[in-house]
Amino acid sequence: MTIEQVVRVAILKQLRQLGYEELYDELNDNISYRRFAKIHRGRSAKKNDVE
């Protein structure tokens, strides 16, 4: 992940008060979250990326 993606994922985590498991699930299921985090189609978040 790029630094920008890491920051955007951290913002989502804080704003939505998600745990790492929930964040991982949301990033893989929610297209709006992926767009905000700039995680492009075909590249899903890995568990190591969100921890």
PDB file of N, CA and C in Angstrom:
ATOM      1  N   MET A   1       0.844  -1.181   0.000  1.00  0.00           N
ATOM      2  CA  MET A   1       0.000   0.000   0.000  1.00  0.00           C
ATOM      3  C   MET A   1       0.887   1.241   0.000  1.00  0.00           C
ATOM      4  N   THR A   2       0.383   2.281  -0.631  1.00  0.00           N
ATOM      5  CA  THR A   2       1.100   3.551  -0.617  1.00  0.00           C
ATOM      6  C   THR A   2       0.840   4.258   0.717  1.00  0.00           C
ATOM      7  N   ILE A   3       1.637   5.268   0.994  1.00  0.00           N
ATOM      8  CA  ILE A   3       1.445   6.038   2.227  1.00  0.00           C
ATOM      9  C   ILE A   3       0.065   6.695   2.221  1.00  0.00           C
ATOM     10  N   GLU A   4      -0.341   7.212   1.073  1.00  0.00           N
ATOM     11  CA  GLU A   4      -1.663   7.838   0.972  1.00  0.00           C
ATOM     12  C   GLU A   4      -2.768   6.840   1.299  1.00  0.00           C
ATOM     13  N   GLN A   5      -2.665   5.616   0.804  1.00  0.00           N
ATOM     14  CA  GLN A   5      -3.668   4.594   1.088  1.00  0.00           C
ATOM     15  C   GLN A   5      -3.690   4.255   2.575  1.00  0.00           C
ATOM     16  N   VAL A   6      -2.520   4.163   3.184  1.00  0.00           N
ATOM     17  CA  VAL A   6      -2.439   3.856   4.619  1.00  0.00           C
ATOM     18  C   VAL A   6      -3.138   4.941   5.426  1.00  0.00           C
ATOM     19  N   VAL A   7      -2.890   6.198   5.087  1.00  0.00           N
ATOM     20  CA  VAL A   7      -3.526   7.309   5.803  1.00  0.00           C
ATOM     21  C   VAL A   7      -5.041   7.268   5.614  1.00  0.00           C
ATOM     22  N   ARG A   8      -5.489   7.020   4.401  1.00  0.00           N
ATOM     23  CA  ARG A   8      -6.927   6.972   4.130  1.00  0.00           C
ATOM     24  C   ARG A   8      -7.602   5.813   4.877  1.00  0.00           C
ATOM     25  N   VAL A   9      -6.940   4.669   4.929  1.00  0.00           N
ATOM     26  CA  VAL A   9      -7.481   3.524   5.674  1.00  0.00           C
ATOM     27  C   VAL A   9      -7.528   3.849   7.167  1.00  0.00           C
ATOM     28  N   ALA A  10      -6.500   4.525   7.676  1.00  0.00           N
ATOM     29  CA  ALA A  10      -6.486   4.918   9.091  1.00  0.00           C
ATOM     30  C   ALA A  10      -7.628   5.884   9.394  1.00  0.00           C
ATOM     31  N   ILE A  11      -7.913   6.789   8.474  1.00  0.00           N
ATOM     32  CA  ILE A  11      -9.036   7.717   8.651  1.00  0.00           C
ATOM     33  C   ILE A  11     -10.353   6.949   8.724  1.00  0.00           C
ATOM     34  N   LEU A  12     -10.547   6.002   7.815  1.00  0.00           N
ATOM     35  CA  LEU A  12     -11.765   5.178   7.857  1.00  0.00           C
ATOM     36  C   LEU A  12     -11.887   4.442   9.185  1.00  0.00           C
ATOM     37  N   LYS A  13     -10.772   3.867   9.630  1.00  0.00           N
ATOM     38  CA  LYS A  13     -10.771   3.105  10.884  1.00  0.00           C
ATOM     39  C   LYS A  13     -11.207   3.988  12.045  1.00  0.00           C
ATOM     40  N   GLN A  14     -10.666   5.193  12.112  1.00  0.00           N
ATOM     41  CA  GLN A  14     -10.985   6.100  13.210  1.00  0.00           C
ATOM     42  C   GLN A  14     -12.411   6.633  13.108  1.00  0.00           C
ATOM     43  N   LEU A  15     -12.808   7.087  11.922  1.00  0.00           N
ATOM     44  CA  LEU A  15     -14.144   7.669  11.766  1.00  0.00           C
ATOM     45  C   LEU A  15     -15.251   6.662  12.030  1.00  0.00           C
ATOM     46  N   ARG A  16     -15.057   5.446  11.584  1.00  0.00           N
ATOM     47  CA  ARG A  16     -16.080   4.408  11.732  1.00  0.00           C
ATOM     48  C   ARG A  16     -15.886   3.561  12.985  1.00  0.00           C
ATOM     49  N   GLN A  17     -14.818   3.827  13.738  1.00  0.00           N
ATOM     50  CA  GLN A  17     -14.500   3.098  14.967  1.00  0.00           C
ATOM     51  C   GLN A  17     -14.523   1.589  14.729  1.00  0.00           C
ATOM     52  N   LEU A  18     -13.759   1.169  13.721  1.00  0.00           N
ATOM     53  CA  LEU A  18     -13.699  -0.234  13.339  1.00  0.00           C
ATOM     54  C   LEU A  18     -12.460  -0.896  13.926  1.00  0.00           C
ATOM     55  N   GLY A  19     -12.598  -2.162  14.280  1.00  0.00           N
ATOM     56  CA  GLY A  19     -11.441  -2.969  14.627  1.00  0.00           C
ATOM     57  C   GLY A  19     -10.768  -3.414  13.342  1.00  0.00           C
ATOM     58  N   TYR A  20      -9.600  -4.036  13.463  1.00  0.00           N
ATOM     59  CA  TYR A  20      -8.866  -4.445  12.267  1.00  0.00           C
ATOM     60  C   TYR A  20      -9.628  -5.480  11.437  1.00  0.00           C
ATOM     61  N   GLU A  21     -10.271  -6.439  12.093  1.00  0.00           N
ATOM     62  CA  GLU A  21     -11.044  -7.455  11.354  1.00  0.00           C
ATOM     63  C   GLU A  21     -12.206  -6.807  10.609  1.00  0.00           C
ATOM     64  N   GLU A  22     -12.925  -5.914  11.300  1.00  0.00           N
ATOM     65  CA  GLU A  22     -14.056  -5.225  10.674  1.00  0.00           C
ATOM     66  C   GLU A  22     -13.590  -4.348   9.513  1.00  0.00           C
ATOM     67  N   LEU A  23     -12.483  -3.662   9.715  1.00  0.00           N
ATOM     68  CA  LEU A  23     -11.929  -2.811   8.670  1.00  0.00           C
ATOM     69  C   LEU A  23     -11.558  -3.633   7.444  1.00  0.00           C
ATOM     70  N   TYR A  24     -10.907  -4.752   7.665  1.00  0.00           N
ATOM     71  CA  TYR A  24     -10.536  -5.656   6.571  1.00  0.00           C
ATOM     72  C   TYR A  24     -11.777  -6.097   5.794  1.00  0.00           C
ATOM     73  N   ASP A  25     -12.811  -6.518   6.528  1.00  0.00           N
ATOM     74  CA  ASP A  25     -14.054  -6.962   5.880  1.00  0.00           C
ATOM     75  C   ASP A  25     -14.710  -5.829   5.091  1.00  0.00           C
ATOM     76  N   GLU A  26     -14.769  -4.652   5.687  1.00  0.00           N
ATOM     77  CA  GLU A  26     -15.396  -3.510   5.016  1.00  0.00           C
ATOM     78  C   GLU A  26     -14.638  -3.112   3.753  1.00  0.00           C
ATOM     79  N   LEU A  27     -13.319  -3.136   3.809  1.00  0.00           N
ATOM     80  CA  LEU A  27     -12.532  -2.776   2.629  1.00  0.00           C
ATOM     81  C   LEU A  27     -12.729  -3.772   1.494  1.00  0.00           C
ATOM     82  N   ASN A  28     -12.991  -5.012   1.836  1.00  0.00           N
ATOM     83  CA  ASN A  28     -13.210  -6.015   0.800  1.00  0.00           C
ATOM     84  C   ASN A  28     -14.647  -6.040   0.297  1.00  0.00           C
ATOM     85  N   ASP A  29     -15.604  -5.576   1.111  1.00  0.00           N
ATOM     86  CA  ASP A  29     -17.019  -5.642   0.747  1.00  0.00           C
ATOM     87  C   ASP A  29     -17.603  -4.316   0.259  1.00  0.00           C
ATOM     88  N   ASN A  30     -17.056  -3.209   0.702  1.00  0.00           N
ATOM     89  CA  ASN A  30     -17.674  -1.909   0.468  1.00  0.00           C
ATOM     90  C   ASN A  30     -16.894  -1.123  -0.591  1.00  0.00           C
ATOM     91  N   ILE A  31     -17.497  -0.959  -1.752  1.00  0.00           N
ATOM     92  CA  ILE A  31     -16.809  -0.270  -2.849  1.00  0.00           C
ATOM     93  C   ILE A  31     -16.538   1.198  -2.518  1.00  0.00           C
ATOM     94  N   SER A  32     -17.396   1.826  -1.737  1.00  0.00           N
ATOM     95  CA  SER A  32     -17.183   3.224  -1.356  1.00  0.00           C
ATOM     96  C   SER A  32     -15.929   3.374  -0.504  1.00  0.00           C
ATOM     97  N   TYR A  33     -15.709   2.441   0.398  1.00  0.00           N
ATOM     98  CA  TYR A  33     -14.506   2.483   1.232  1.00  0.00           C
ATOM     99  C   TYR A  33     -13.263   2.271   0.381  1.00  0.00           C
ATOM    100  N   ARG A  34     -13.342   1.342  -0.575  1.00  0.00           N
ATOM    101  CA  ARG A  34     -12.192   1.097  -1.461  1.00  0.00           C
ATOM    102  C   ARG A  34     -11.895   2.315  -2.318  1.00  0.00           C
ATOM    103  N   ARG A  35     -12.928   2.970  -2.803  1.00  0.00           N
ATOM    104  CA  ARG A  35     -12.716   4.186  -3.602  1.00  0.00           C
ATOM    105  C   ARG A  35     -12.055   5.270  -2.764  1.00  0.00           C
ATOM    106  N   PHE A  36     -12.563   5.479  -1.547  1.00  0.00           N
ATOM    107  CA  PHE A  36     -11.977   6.494  -0.680  1.00  0.00           C
ATOM    108  C   PHE A  36     -10.512   6.179  -0.384  1.00  0.00           C
ATOM    109  N   ALA A  37     -10.226   4.913  -0.120  1.00  0.00           N
ATOM    110  CA  ALA A  37      -8.858   4.504   0.213  1.00  0.00           C
ATOM    111  C   ALA A  37      -7.979   4.362  -1.026  1.00  0.00           C
ATOM    112  N   LYS A  38      -8.583   4.527  -2.203  1.00  0.00           N
ATOM    113  CA  LYS A  38      -7.876   4.396  -3.480  1.00  0.00           C
ATOM    114  C   LYS A  38      -7.256   3.015  -3.654  1.00  0.00           C
ATOM    115  N   ILE A  39      -8.011   2.012  -3.221  1.00  0.00           N
ATOM    116  CA  ILE A  39      -7.629   0.619  -3.447  1.00  0.00           C
ATOM    117  C   ILE A  39      -8.391   0.194  -4.694  1.00  0.00           C
ATOM    118  N   HIS A  40      -7.667  -0.025  -5.762  1.00  0.00           N
ATOM    119  CA  HIS A  40      -8.275  -0.227  -7.072  1.00  0.00           C
ATOM    120  C   HIS A  40      -8.848  -1.618  -7.241  1.00  0.00           C
ATOM    121  N   ARG A  41      -9.729  -1.704  -8.195  1.00  0.00           N
ATOM    122  CA  ARG A  41     -10.389  -2.962  -8.537  1.00  0.00           C
ATOM    123  C   ARG A  41      -9.346  -4.041  -8.812  1.00  0.00           C
ATOM    124  N   GLY A  42      -9.621  -5.225  -8.326  1.00  0.00           N
ATOM    125  CA  GLY A  42      -8.696  -6.332  -8.524  1.00  0.00           C
ATOM    126  C   GLY A  42      -7.637  -6.413  -7.444  1.00  0.00           C
ATOM    127  N   ARG A  43      -7.470  -5.346  -6.685  1.00  0.00           N
ATOM    128  CA  ARG A  43      -6.514  -5.359  -5.578  1.00  0.00           C
ATOM    129  C   ARG A  43      -7.301  -5.200  -4.305  1.00  0.00           C
ATOM    130  N   SER A  44      -7.518  -6.293  -3.605  1.00  0.00           N
ATOM    131  CA  SER A  44      -8.238  -6.204  -2.341  1.00  0.00           C
ATOM    132  C   SER A  44      -7.227  -6.005  -1.221  1.00  0.00           C
ATOM    133  N   ALA A  45      -7.702  -5.514  -0.110  1.00  0.00           N
ATOM    134  CA  ALA A  45      -6.837  -5.308   1.043  1.00  0.00           C
ATOM    135  C   ALA A  45      -6.413  -6.657   1.606  1.00  0.00           C
ATOM    136  N   LYS A  46      -5.187  -6.714   2.047  1.00  0.00           N
ATOM    137  CA  LYS A  46      -4.695  -7.908   2.726  1.00  0.00           C
ATOM    138  C   LYS A  46      -4.722  -7.631   4.219  1.00  0.00           C
ATOM    139  N   LYS A  47      -4.821  -8.686   5.008  1.00  0.00           N
ATOM    140  CA  LYS A  47      -4.885  -8.481   6.459  1.00  0.00           C
ATOM    141  C   LYS A  47      -3.656  -7.742   6.970  1.00  0.00           C
ATOM    142  N   ASN A  48      -2.487  -8.023   6.431  1.00  0.00           N
ATOM    143  CA  ASN A  48      -1.274  -7.329   6.872  1.00  0.00           C
ATOM    144  C   ASN A  48      -1.318  -5.848   6.533  1.00  0.00           C
ATOM    145  N   ASP A  49      -2.021  -5.474   5.484  1.00  0.00           N
ATOM    146  CA  ASP A  49      -2.109  -4.076   5.085  1.00  0.00           C
ATOM    147  C   ASP A  49      -2.860  -3.236   6.105  1.00  0.00           C
ATOM    148  N   VAL A  50      -3.857  -3.793   6.749  1.00  0.00           N
ATOM    149  CA  VAL A  50      -4.694  -3.001   7.652  1.00  0.00           C
ATOM    150  C   VAL A  50      -4.266  -3.083   9.109  1.00  0.00           C
ATOM    151  N   GLU A  51      -3.318  -3.906   9.419  1.00  0.00           N
ATOM    152  CA  GLU A  51      -2.869  -4.015  10.812  1.00  0.00           C
ATOM    153  C   GLU A  51      -1.702  -3.108  11.079  1.00  0.00           C
TER     154      GLU A  51
END
